[in-house]
Amino acid sequence: MDEKEINETIDRIIKQMELLVNDFSVPKNVRSAISDAKSRLSTKEAYIVRISSAIYSLDAVSGDINLPPQARTGIWNILSMLESIKT
């Protein structure tokens, strides 16, 4: 993957994160973690550092028992996309 494709994928991921952050059926702590991951992706650090930080934030909340099924699926999709560009 070249840098342009990586940036396009990150932009798509950020848009999906915004959908989850604006979904009020998602618990507040999970929305906060998603916002944190989104802000980490938006920094100017090396993309591998940004992606690893975002994965760490999202992975911590992906197993929350209060998470609605559609939000859990959304987080798993985001994690999958992040993992695909990490390697």
Protein backbone atom coordinates (compact mmCIF):
# COMPACT_ATOMS: atom_id res chain seq x y z
CA MET A 1 0.00 0.00 0.00
CA ASP A 2 1.39 3.39 -0.90
CA GLU A 3 1.02 6.51 1.23
CA LYS A 4 -1.93 7.86 -0.77
CA GLU A 5 -3.93 4.63 -0.29
CA ILE A 6 -3.09 4.61 3.42
CA ASN A 7 -4.32 8.19 3.83
CA GLU A 8 -7.52 7.41 1.92
CA THR A 9 -8.16 4.37 4.12
CA ILE A 10 -7.51 6.41 7.26
CA ASP A 11 -10.02 9.01 6.03
CA ARG A 12 -12.65 6.28 5.54
CA ILE A 13 -11.90 4.93 9.02
CA ILE A 14 -12.30 8.38 10.55
CA LYS A 15 -15.69 8.77 8.84
CA GLN A 16 -16.83 5.44 10.28
CA MET A 17 -15.59 6.52 13.71
CA GLU A 18 -17.62 9.73 13.45
CA LEU A 19 -20.75 7.67 12.80
CA LEU A 20 -20.15 5.67 15.98
CA VAL A 21 -19.32 8.76 18.05
CA ASN A 22 -22.61 10.35 16.97
CA ASP A 23 -24.61 7.20 17.81
CA PHE A 24 -26.09 7.80 21.25
CA SER A 25 -26.93 4.12 21.69
CA VAL A 26 -23.18 3.58 22.14
CA PRO A 27 -22.09 3.96 25.79
CA LYS A 28 -20.30 7.18 26.67
CA ASN A 29 -17.03 5.47 27.64
CA VAL A 30 -16.92 3.72 24.25
CA ARG A 31 -17.67 6.94 22.37
CA SER A 32 -14.87 8.57 24.35
CA ALA A 33 -12.42 5.80 23.38
CA ILE A 34 -13.47 6.09 19.73
CA SER A 35 -12.96 9.87 19.85
CA ASP A 36 -9.54 9.29 21.39
CA ALA A 37 -8.63 6.83 18.64
CA LYS A 38 -9.88 9.28 16.01
CA SER A 39 -7.74 12.08 17.40
CA ARG A 40 -4.72 9.78 17.47
CA LEU A 41 -5.25 8.97 13.79
CA SER A 42 -5.39 12.68 12.99
CA THR A 43 -1.96 13.52 14.40
CA LYS A 44 1.13 14.14 12.28
CA GLU A 45 3.11 11.22 13.67
CA ALA A 46 4.25 8.31 11.53
CA TYR A 47 1.23 6.37 10.31
CA ILE A 48 2.31 3.15 12.05
CA VAL A 49 2.35 4.94 15.42
CA ARG A 50 -1.06 6.52 14.78
CA ILE A 51 -2.57 3.20 13.74
CA SER A 52 -1.10 1.29 16.68
CA SER A 53 -2.39 3.88 19.14
CA ALA A 54 -5.88 3.77 17.60
CA ILE A 55 -5.94 -0.03 17.66
CA TYR A 56 -4.97 -0.01 21.33
CA SER A 57 -7.79 2.40 22.22
CA LEU A 58 -10.43 0.53 20.25
CA ASP A 59 -9.35 -2.94 21.32
CA ALA A 60 -9.78 -1.95 24.96
CA VAL A 61 -13.51 -1.21 24.47
CA SER A 62 -14.44 -3.74 21.80
CA GLY A 63 -15.44 -6.25 24.46
CA ASP A 64 -17.59 -3.89 26.54
CA ILE A 65 -20.68 -5.83 27.64
CA ASN A 66 -22.92 -2.77 27.23
CA LEU A 67 -21.93 -2.28 23.60
CA PRO A 68 -24.83 -2.70 21.13
CA PRO A 69 -24.21 -5.39 18.49
CA GLN A 70 -24.13 -2.93 15.57
CA ALA A 71 -21.53 -0.79 17.35
CA ARG A 72 -19.42 -3.84 18.16
CA THR A 73 -19.50 -4.84 14.49
CA GLY A 74 -18.53 -1.29 13.51
CA ILE A 75 -15.57 -1.33 15.89
CA TRP A 76 -14.46 -4.72 14.60
CA ASN A 77 -14.66 -3.43 11.02
CA ILE A 78 -12.56 -0.41 11.96
CA LEU A 79 -10.03 -2.62 13.73
CA SER A 80 -9.85 -4.87 10.68
CA MET A 81 -9.21 -1.92 8.39
CA LEU A 82 -6.53 -0.58 10.73
CA GLU A 83 -4.83 -3.98 10.92
CA SER A 84 -4.86 -4.28 7.12
CA ILE A 85 -2.88 -1.06 6.65
CA LYS A 86 -0.63 -1.66 9.65
CA THR A 87 1.20 -4.50 7.92
